[in-house]
PDB file of N, CA and C in Angstrom:
ATOM      1  N   MET A   1    -114.768  97.091 215.441  1.00  0.00           N
ATOM      2  CA  MET A   1    -114.665  95.476 216.021  1.00  0.00           C
ATOM      3  C   MET A   1    -115.936  94.878 215.622  1.00  0.00           C
ATOM      4  N   ARG A   2    -115.734  93.480 215.193  1.00  0.00           N
ATOM      5  CA  ARG A   2    -116.984  92.611 215.205  1.00  0.00           C
ATOM      6  C   ARG A   2    -117.568  92.181 216.585  1.00  0.00           C
ATOM      7  N   GLN A   3    -118.727  91.679 216.661  1.00  0.00           N
ATOM      8  CA  GLN A   3    -119.177  91.259 217.853  1.00  0.00           C
ATOM      9  C   GLN A   3    -118.573  89.690 217.814  1.00  0.00           C
ATOM     10  N   ASP A   4    -118.349  89.083 216.734  1.00  0.00           N
ATOM     11  CA  ASP A   4    -118.128  87.403 217.382  1.00  0.00           C
ATOM     12  C   ASP A   4    -116.552  87.407 217.398  1.00  0.00           C
ATOM     13  N   TYR A   5    -115.821  88.719 217.302  1.00  0.00           N
ATOM     14  CA  TYR A   5    -114.473  88.733 217.687  1.00  0.00           C
ATOM     15  C   TYR A   5    -114.123  88.330 218.959  1.00  0.00           C
ATOM     16  N   LEU A   6    -115.228  88.753 219.910  1.00  0.00           N
ATOM     17  CA  LEU A   6    -114.889  88.485 221.587  1.00  0.00           C
ATOM     18  C   LEU A   6    -115.287  86.948 221.456  1.00  0.00           C
ATOM     19  N   GLY A   7    -115.851  86.490 221.156  1.00  0.00           N
ATOM     20  CA  GLY A   7    -116.018  85.350 221.552  1.00  0.00           C
ATOM     21  C   GLY A   7    -114.879  84.330 221.005  1.00  0.00           C
ATOM     22  N   GLN A   8    -113.821  84.852 220.820  1.00  0.00           N
ATOM     23  CA  GLN A   8    -112.607  84.128 220.734  1.00  0.00           C
ATOM     24  C   GLN A   8    -111.671  84.121 221.600  1.00  0.00           C
ATOM     25  N   MET A   9    -112.034  85.126 222.721  1.00  0.00           N
ATOM     26  CA  MET A   9    -111.170  85.480 223.706  1.00  0.00           C
ATOM     27  C   MET A   9    -111.702  84.704 225.201  1.00  0.00           C
ATOM     28  N   THR A  10    -110.975  84.657 226.234  1.00  0.00           N
ATOM     29  CA  THR A  10    -111.414  84.312 227.531  1.00  0.00           C
ATOM     30  C   THR A  10    -112.320  85.576 227.924  1.00  0.00           C
ATOM     31  N   GLU A  11    -113.071  85.212 229.041  1.00  0.00           N
ATOM     32  CA  GLU A  11    -113.970  86.035 229.887  1.00  0.00           C
ATOM     33  C   GLU A  11    -113.190  87.401 230.344  1.00  0.00           C
ATOM     34  N   MET A  12    -111.917  87.280 230.694  1.00  0.00           N
ATOM     35  CA  MET A  12    -110.968  88.437 231.155  1.00  0.00           C
ATOM     36  C   MET A  12    -110.883  89.525 230.298  1.00  0.00           C
ATOM     37  N   GLU A  13    -110.225  88.800 229.166  1.00  0.00           N
ATOM     38  CA  GLU A  13    -109.882  88.999 227.735  1.00  0.00           C
ATOM     39  C   GLU A  13    -111.253  90.101 227.267  1.00  0.00           C
ATOM     40  N   GLN A  14    -112.177  89.628 227.189  1.00  0.00           N
ATOM     41  CA  GLN A  14    -113.294  90.056 226.435  1.00  0.00           C
ATOM     42  C   GLN A  14    -113.788  91.307 227.605  1.00  0.00           C
ATOM     43  N   ALA A  15    -113.493  91.217 228.951  1.00  0.00           N
ATOM     44  CA  ALA A  15    -114.061  92.424 229.856  1.00  0.00           C
ATOM     45  C   ALA A  15    -113.129  93.262 229.533  1.00  0.00           C
ATOM     46  N   ASP A  16    -111.772  93.091 229.688  1.00  0.00           N
ATOM     47  CA  ASP A  16    -110.796  94.452 229.242  1.00  0.00           C
ATOM     48  C   ASP A  16    -111.064  95.242 228.107  1.00  0.00           C
ATOM     49  N   LEU A  17    -111.428  94.191 226.963  1.00  0.00           N
ATOM     50  CA  LEU A  17    -111.432  94.826 225.472  1.00  0.00           C
ATOM     51  C   LEU A  17    -112.481  95.878 225.833  1.00  0.00           C
ATOM     52  N   ILE A  18    -113.558  95.378 226.040  1.00  0.00           N
ATOM     53  CA  ILE A  18    -114.869  96.235 226.490  1.00  0.00           C
ATOM     54  C   ILE A  18    -114.880  97.196 227.167  1.00  0.00           C
ATOM     55  N   MET A  19    -114.151  97.211 228.469  1.00  0.00           N
ATOM     56  CA  MET A  19    -113.524  98.634 228.722  1.00  0.00           C
ATOM     57  C   MET A  19    -113.022  99.421 228.183  1.00  0.00           C
ATOM     58  N   GLU A  20    -112.078  98.786 227.519  1.00  0.00           N
ATOM     59  CA  GLU A  20    -111.287  99.770 227.070  1.00  0.00           C
ATOM     60  C   GLU A  20    -111.608 100.476 225.752  1.00  0.00           C
ATOM     61  N   LYS A  21    -112.437 100.003 225.092  1.00  0.00           N
ATOM     62  CA  LYS A  21    -112.478  99.885 223.469  1.00  0.00           C
ATOM     63  C   LYS A  21    -114.353 100.727 223.488  1.00  0.00           C
ATOM     64  N   GLY A  22    -115.093 100.122 224.445  1.00  0.00           N
ATOM     65  CA  GLY A  22    -116.581 100.551 224.550  1.00  0.00           C
ATOM     66  C   GLY A  22    -116.756 101.927 225.331  1.00  0.00           C
ATOM     67  N   ALA A  23    -118.091 102.530 224.973  1.00  0.00           N
ATOM     68  CA  ALA A  23    -118.533 103.536 226.030  1.00  0.00           C
ATOM     69  C   ALA A  23    -119.591 102.960 227.031  1.00  0.00           C
ATOM     70  N   LEU A  24    -119.539 103.286 228.089  1.00  0.00           N
ATOM     71  CA  LEU A  24    -120.512 103.103 228.958  1.00  0.00           C
ATOM     72  C   LEU A  24    -121.523 103.967 228.983  1.00  0.00           C
ATOM     73  N   VAL A  25    -122.833 103.411 228.741  1.00  0.00           N
ATOM     74  CA  VAL A  25    -123.868 104.010 228.114  1.00  0.00           C
ATOM     75  C   VAL A  25    -124.906 103.607 229.338  1.00  0.00           C
ATOM     76  N   GLY A  26    -124.909 102.826 230.440  1.00  0.00           N
ATOM     77  CA  GLY A  26    -125.653 102.369 231.280  1.00  0.00           C
ATOM     78  C   GLY A  26    -125.222 101.334 232.149  1.00  0.00           C
ATOM     79  N   LYS A  27    -126.205 101.600 233.611  1.00  0.00           N
ATOM     80  CA  LYS A  27    -125.959 100.717 234.248  1.00  0.00           C
ATOM     81  C   LYS A  27    -127.188 100.562 235.145  1.00  0.00           C
ATOM     82  N   ARG A  28    -127.672  99.273 235.718  1.00  0.00           N
ATOM     83  CA  ARG A  28    -128.487  98.636 236.192  1.00  0.00           C
ATOM     84  C   ARG A  28    -127.890  97.449 237.177  1.00  0.00           C
ATOM     85  N   THR A  29    -129.540  97.293 237.930  1.00  0.00           N
ATOM     86  CA  THR A  29    -129.008  96.216 239.065  1.00  0.00           C
ATOM     87  C   THR A  29    -130.319  95.181 238.939  1.00  0.00           C
ATOM     88  N   ASP A  30    -130.002  93.837 239.043  1.00  0.00           N
ATOM     89  CA  ASP A  30    -131.142  92.842 238.916  1.00  0.00           C
ATOM     90  C   ASP A  30    -130.780  91.893 239.710  1.00  0.00           C
ATOM     91  N   GLY A  31    -131.261  91.845 240.874  1.00  0.00           N
ATOM     92  CA  GLY A  31    -131.052  91.047 242.083  1.00  0.00           C
ATOM     93  C   GLY A  31    -129.592  91.174 242.788  1.00  0.00           C
ATOM     94  N   PHE A  32    -128.914  89.985 242.555  1.00  0.00           N
ATOM     95  CA  PHE A  32    -127.702  90.089 243.023  1.00  0.00           C
ATOM     96  C   PHE A  32    -126.275  90.764 242.235  1.00  0.00           C
ATOM     97  N   TYR A  33    -127.099  91.229 241.002  1.00  0.00           N
ATOM     98  CA  TYR A  33    -126.186  91.476 239.772  1.00  0.00           C
ATOM     99  C   TYR A  33    -126.520  92.998 239.418  1.00  0.00           C
ATOM    100  N   ASN A  34    -125.128  93.785 239.320  1.00  0.00           N
ATOM    101  CA  ASN A  34    -124.626  95.011 238.682  1.00  0.00           C
ATOM    102  C   ASN A  34    -124.123  94.696 237.226  1.00  0.00           C
ATOM    103  N   ILE A  35    -124.897  95.017 236.465  1.00  0.00           N
ATOM    104  CA  ILE A  35    -124.923  95.356 235.197  1.00  0.00           C
ATOM    105  C   ILE A  35    -124.447  96.551 234.311  1.00  0.00           C
ATOM    106  N   LEU A  36    -123.192  96.361 233.731  1.00  0.00           N
ATOM    107  CA  LEU A  36    -122.624  97.655 233.075  1.00  0.00           C
ATOM    108  C   LEU A  36    -122.947  97.611 231.683  1.00  0.00           C
ATOM    109  N   LEU A  37    -123.609  98.570 230.648  1.00  0.00           N
ATOM    110  CA  LEU A  37    -124.149  98.394 229.786  1.00  0.00           C
ATOM    111  C   LEU A  37    -123.070  99.160 228.757  1.00  0.00           C
ATOM    112  N   PHE A  38    -122.324  98.870 227.789  1.00  0.00           N
ATOM    113  CA  PHE A  38    -121.504  99.178 226.796  1.00  0.00           C
ATOM    114  C   PHE A  38    -121.899  99.250 225.657  1.00  0.00           C
ATOM    115  N   GLN A  39    -121.559 100.484 224.533  1.00  0.00           N
ATOM    116  CA  GLN A  39    -121.548 100.237 223.607  1.00  0.00           C
ATOM    117  C   GLN A  39    -120.197 100.241 222.659  1.00  0.00           C
ATOM    118  N   ILE A  40    -120.057  99.496 221.937  1.00  0.00           N
ATOM    119  CA  ILE A  40    -119.034  99.347 221.124  1.00  0.00           C
ATOM    120  C   ILE A  40    -119.323  99.219 219.593  1.00  0.00           C
ATOM    121  N   ASP A  41    -118.898 100.318 218.633  1.00  0.00           N
ATOM    122  CA  ASP A  41    -119.211 100.257 217.285  1.00  0.00           C
ATOM    123  C   ASP A  41    -120.709 100.062 217.175  1.00  0.00           C
ATOM    124  N   ALA A  42    -120.987  98.634 216.460  1.00  0.00           N
ATOM    125  CA  ALA A  42    -122.444  98.626 216.008  1.00  0.00           C
ATOM    126  C   ALA A  42    -123.367  97.652 216.895  1.00  0.00           C
ATOM    127  N   PHE A  43    -122.398  97.400 217.976  1.00  0.00           N
ATOM    128  CA  PHE A  43    -123.229  96.358 219.306  1.00  0.00           C
ATOM    129  C   PHE A  43    -122.964  96.931 220.668  1.00  0.00           C
ATOM    130  N   TYR A  44    -123.772  96.412 221.577  1.00  0.00           N
ATOM    131  CA  TYR A  44    -123.700  96.405 222.721  1.00  0.00           C
ATOM    132  C   TYR A  44    -123.364  95.306 223.610  1.00  0.00           C
ATOM    133  N   ALA A  45    -122.591  95.247 224.886  1.00  0.00           N
ATOM    134  CA  ALA A  45    -122.073  94.233 225.300  1.00  0.00           C
ATOM    135  C   ALA A  45    -122.528  94.589 227.151  1.00  0.00           C
ATOM    136  N   GLU A  46    -123.211  93.609 227.956  1.00  0.00           N
ATOM    137  CA  GLU A  46    -123.194  93.811 228.932  1.00  0.00           C
ATOM    138  C   GLU A  46    -122.261  92.793 229.997  1.00  0.00           C
ATOM    139  N   ILE A  47    -121.739  93.395 231.341  1.00  0.00           N
ATOM    140  CA  ILE A  47    -120.692  92.886 231.832  1.00  0.00           C
ATOM    141  C   ILE A  47    -121.879  92.870 233.159  1.00  0.00           C
ATOM    142  N   PHE A  48    -121.810  91.557 233.533  1.00  0.00           N
ATOM    143  CA  PHE A  48    -122.657  90.869 234.690  1.00  0.00           C
ATOM    144  C   PHE A  48    -121.739  90.822 235.933  1.00  0.00           C
ATOM    145  N   TYR A  49    -121.905  91.621 236.957  1.00  0.00           N
ATOM    146  CA  TYR A  49    -121.000  91.274 238.095  1.00  0.00           C
ATOM    147  C   TYR A  49    -121.638  90.909 239.401  1.00  0.00           C
ATOM    148  N   HIS A  50    -121.434  90.067 240.161  1.00  0.00           N
ATOM    149  CA  HIS A  50    -121.687  89.784 241.542  1.00  0.00           C
ATOM    150  C   HIS A  50    -121.886  90.872 242.362  1.00  0.00           C
ATOM    151  N   SER A  51    -122.798  91.734 243.061  1.00  0.00           N
ATOM    152  CA  SER A  51    -122.601  92.802 243.828  1.00  0.00           C
ATOM    153  C   SER A  51    -121.861  92.249 245.306  1.00  0.00           C
ATOM    154  N   HIS A  52    -121.884  91.137 245.775  1.00  0.00           N
ATOM    155  CA  HIS A  52    -121.505  90.630 246.752  1.00  0.00           C
ATOM    156  C   HIS A  52    -120.089  90.321 246.722  1.00  0.00           C
ATOM    157  N   PHE A  53    -119.582  89.746 245.694  1.00  0.00           N
ATOM    158  CA  PHE A  53    -118.334  88.901 245.456  1.00  0.00           C
ATOM    159  C   PHE A  53    -117.060  90.117 244.757  1.00  0.00           C
ATOM    160  N   ASN A  54    -118.172  90.633 243.777  1.00  0.00           N
ATOM    161  CA  ASN A  54    -117.521  91.752 242.948  1.00  0.00           C
ATOM    162  C   ASN A  54    -116.677  91.121 241.918  1.00  0.00           C
ATOM    163  N   VAL A  55    -117.621  90.010 241.157  1.00  0.00           N
ATOM    164  CA  VAL A  55    -116.660  88.989 239.801  1.00  0.00           C
ATOM    165  C   VAL A  55    -117.512  89.135 238.988  1.00  0.00           C
ATOM    166  N   ILE A  56    -116.861  88.974 237.934  1.00  0.00           N
ATOM    167  CA  ILE A  56    -117.310  88.558 236.917  1.00  0.00           C
ATOM    168  C   ILE A  56    -118.513  87.388 236.741  1.00  0.00           C
ATOM    169  N   ILE A  57    -119.732  87.603 236.356  1.00  0.00           N
ATOM    170  CA  ILE A  57    -120.525  86.429 236.198  1.00  0.00           C
ATOM    171  C   ILE A  57    -120.759  85.760 234.576  1.00  0.00           C
ATOM    172  N   LYS A  58    -121.001  87.022 233.848  1.00  0.00           N
ATOM    173  CA  LYS A  58    -121.236  86.707 232.613  1.00  0.00           C
ATOM    174  C   LYS A  58    -120.891  87.845 231.852  1.00  0.00           C
ATOM    175  N   ILE A  59    -120.765  87.818 230.572  1.00  0.00           N
ATOM    176  CA  ILE A  59    -120.541  88.927 229.763  1.00  0.00           C
ATOM    177  C   ILE A  59    -121.443  88.318 228.380  1.00  0.00           C
ATOM    178  N   LYS A  60    -122.671  89.277 227.836  1.00  0.00           N
ATOM    179  CA  LYS A  60    -123.486  89.010 227.089  1.00  0.00           C
ATOM    180  C   LYS A  60    -123.372  90.450 225.846  1.00  0.00           C
ATOM    181  N   THR A  61    -123.504  90.034 224.437  1.00  0.00           N
ATOM    182  CA  THR A  61    -123.245  91.017 223.617  1.00  0.00           C
ATOM    183  C   THR A  61    -124.926  90.680 222.452  1.00  0.00           C
ATOM    184  N   PHE A  62    -125.059  91.824 222.158  1.00  0.00           N
ATOM    185  CA  PHE A  62    -126.069  91.933 221.139  1.00  0.00           C
ATOM    186  C   PHE A  62    -126.193  93.347 220.645  1.00  0.00           C
ATOM    187  N   SER A  63    -127.264  93.095 219.520  1.00  0.00           N
ATOM    188  CA  SER A  63    -127.019  94.321 218.436  1.00  0.00           C
ATOM    189  C   SER A  63    -128.550  94.673 218.309  1.00  0.00           C
ATOM    190  N   ASN A  64    -129.333  93.680 218.893  1.00  0.00           N
ATOM    191  CA  ASN A  64    -130.806  94.173 218.631  1.00  0.00           C
ATOM    192  C   ASN A  64    -131.492  95.424 219.679  1.00  0.00           C
ATOM    193  N   MET A  65    -132.220  96.298 219.453  1.00  0.00           N
ATOM    194  CA  MET A  65    -132.597  97.339 220.027  1.00  0.00           C
ATOM    195  C   MET A  65    -133.512  96.882 221.390  1.00  0.00           C
ATOM    196  N   GLU A  66    -134.304  95.743 221.482  1.00  0.00           N
ATOM    197  CA  GLU A  66    -134.912  95.299 222.138  1.00  0.00           C
ATOM    198  C   GLU A  66    -134.613  94.853 223.515  1.00  0.00           C
ATOM    199  N   ALA A  67    -133.454  94.540 223.164  1.00  0.00           N
ATOM    200  CA  ALA A  67    -132.243  94.246 224.456  1.00  0.00           C
ATOM    201  C   ALA A  67    -132.182  95.387 225.444  1.00  0.00           C
ATOM    202  N   LEU A  68    -132.100  96.394 225.148  1.00  0.00           N
ATOM    203  CA  LEU A  68    -132.032  98.072 225.836  1.00  0.00           C
ATOM    204  C   LEU A  68    -133.184  98.123 226.259  1.00  0.00           C
ATOM    205  N   GLU A  69    -134.507  97.445 226.481  1.00  0.00           N
ATOM    206  CA  GLU A  69    -135.486  98.236 227.160  1.00  0.00           C
ATOM    207  C   GLU A  69    -135.260  98.464 228.711  1.00  0.00           C
ATOM    208  N   PRO A  70    -134.613  97.350 229.260  1.00  0.00           N
ATOM    209  CA  PRO A  70    -134.063  97.506 230.846  1.00  0.00           C
ATOM    210  C   PRO A  70    -133.335  99.052 231.305  1.00  0.00           C
ATOM    211  N   TYR A  71    -133.032  99.275 229.895  1.00  0.00           N
ATOM    212  CA  TYR A  71    -132.241 100.807 230.465  1.00  0.00           C
ATOM    213  C   TYR A  71    -133.154 102.002 230.059  1.00  0.00           C
ATOM    214  N   LEU A  72    -133.923 101.796 229.425  1.00  0.00           N
ATOM    215  CA  LEU A  72    -135.001 102.962 228.763  1.00  0.00           C
ATOM    216  C   LEU A  72    -135.608 103.757 229.777  1.00  0.00           C
ATOM    217  N   ALA A  73    -136.057 103.104 231.127  1.00  0.00           N
ATOM    218  CA  ALA A  73    -136.681 103.653 232.087  1.00  0.00           C
ATOM    219  C   ALA A  73    -135.612 104.384 232.941  1.00  0.00           C
ATOM    220  N   GLN A  74    -134.343 104.566 232.983  1.00  0.00           N
ATOM    221  CA  GLN A  74    -133.772 105.052 233.630  1.00  0.00           C
ATOM    222  C   GLN A  74    -133.239 106.461 232.776  1.00  0.00           C
ATOM    223  N   ILE A  75    -133.642 106.722 231.425  1.00  0.00           N
ATOM    224  CA  ILE A  75    -133.434 108.074 230.670  1.00  0.00           C
ATOM    225  C   ILE A  75    -134.467 109.074 231.061  1.00  0.00           C
ATOM    226  N   GLU A  76    -133.914 110.333 231.481  1.00  0.00           N
ATOM    227  CA  GLU A  76    -134.439 111.601 232.026  1.00  0.00           C
ATOM    228  C   GLU A  76    -134.795 111.976 231.030  1.00  0.00           C
ATOM    229  N   ILE A  77    -136.514 112.228 230.657  1.00  0.00           N
ATOM    230  CA  ILE A  77    -136.762 112.912 229.190  1.00  0.00           C
ATOM    231  C   ILE A  77    -136.699 114.367 229.622  1.00  0.00           C
ATOM    232  N   ALA A  78    -136.849 114.779 230.760  1.00  0.00           N
ATOM    233  CA  ALA A  78    -136.739 116.268 231.418  1.00  0.00           C
ATOM    234  C   ALA A  78    -135.499 116.921 231.022  1.00  0.00           C
ATOM    235  N   GLU A  79    -134.597 115.989 231.362  1.00  0.00           N
ATOM    236  CA  GLU A  79    -132.955 116.378 230.958  1.00  0.00           C
ATOM    237  C   GLU A  79    -132.643 116.654 229.693  1.00  0.00           C
ATOM    238  N   LEU A  80    -133.213 115.918 228.744  1.00  0.00           N
ATOM    239  CA  LEU A  80    -132.742 115.918 227.211  1.00  0.00           C
ATOM    240  C   LEU A  80    -133.468 117.253 226.404  1.00  0.00           C
ATOM    241  N   ILE A  81    -134.962 117.349 226.946  1.00  0.00           N
ATOM    242  CA  ILE A  81    -135.565 118.482 226.178  1.00  0.00           C
ATOM    243  C   ILE A  81    -135.560 120.004 226.857  1.00  0.00           C
ATOM    244  N   GLY A  82    -134.846 120.051 228.491  1.00  0.00           N
ATOM    245  CA  GLY A  82    -134.884 121.187 229.172  1.00  0.00           C
ATOM    246  C   GLY A  82    -133.605 121.749 228.939  1.00  0.00           C
TER     247      GLY A  82
END
């Protein structure tokens, strides 16, 4: 799937497709937002949920590795080498 394909859909269609086709690879919290990170083919998608209202606020897609930085602190190196 190509990243620009999602831009042609509604936000709900995007979220459904991301959760169906993507692999959940990370979670984080930022203020009132719970953010789920999915990998789909050669790009990533973040789904931002409002933690109090449990509604999707926005969906962000990217392919640059720098955007993964907020998730790197969550990786337990000991588990990977132990």
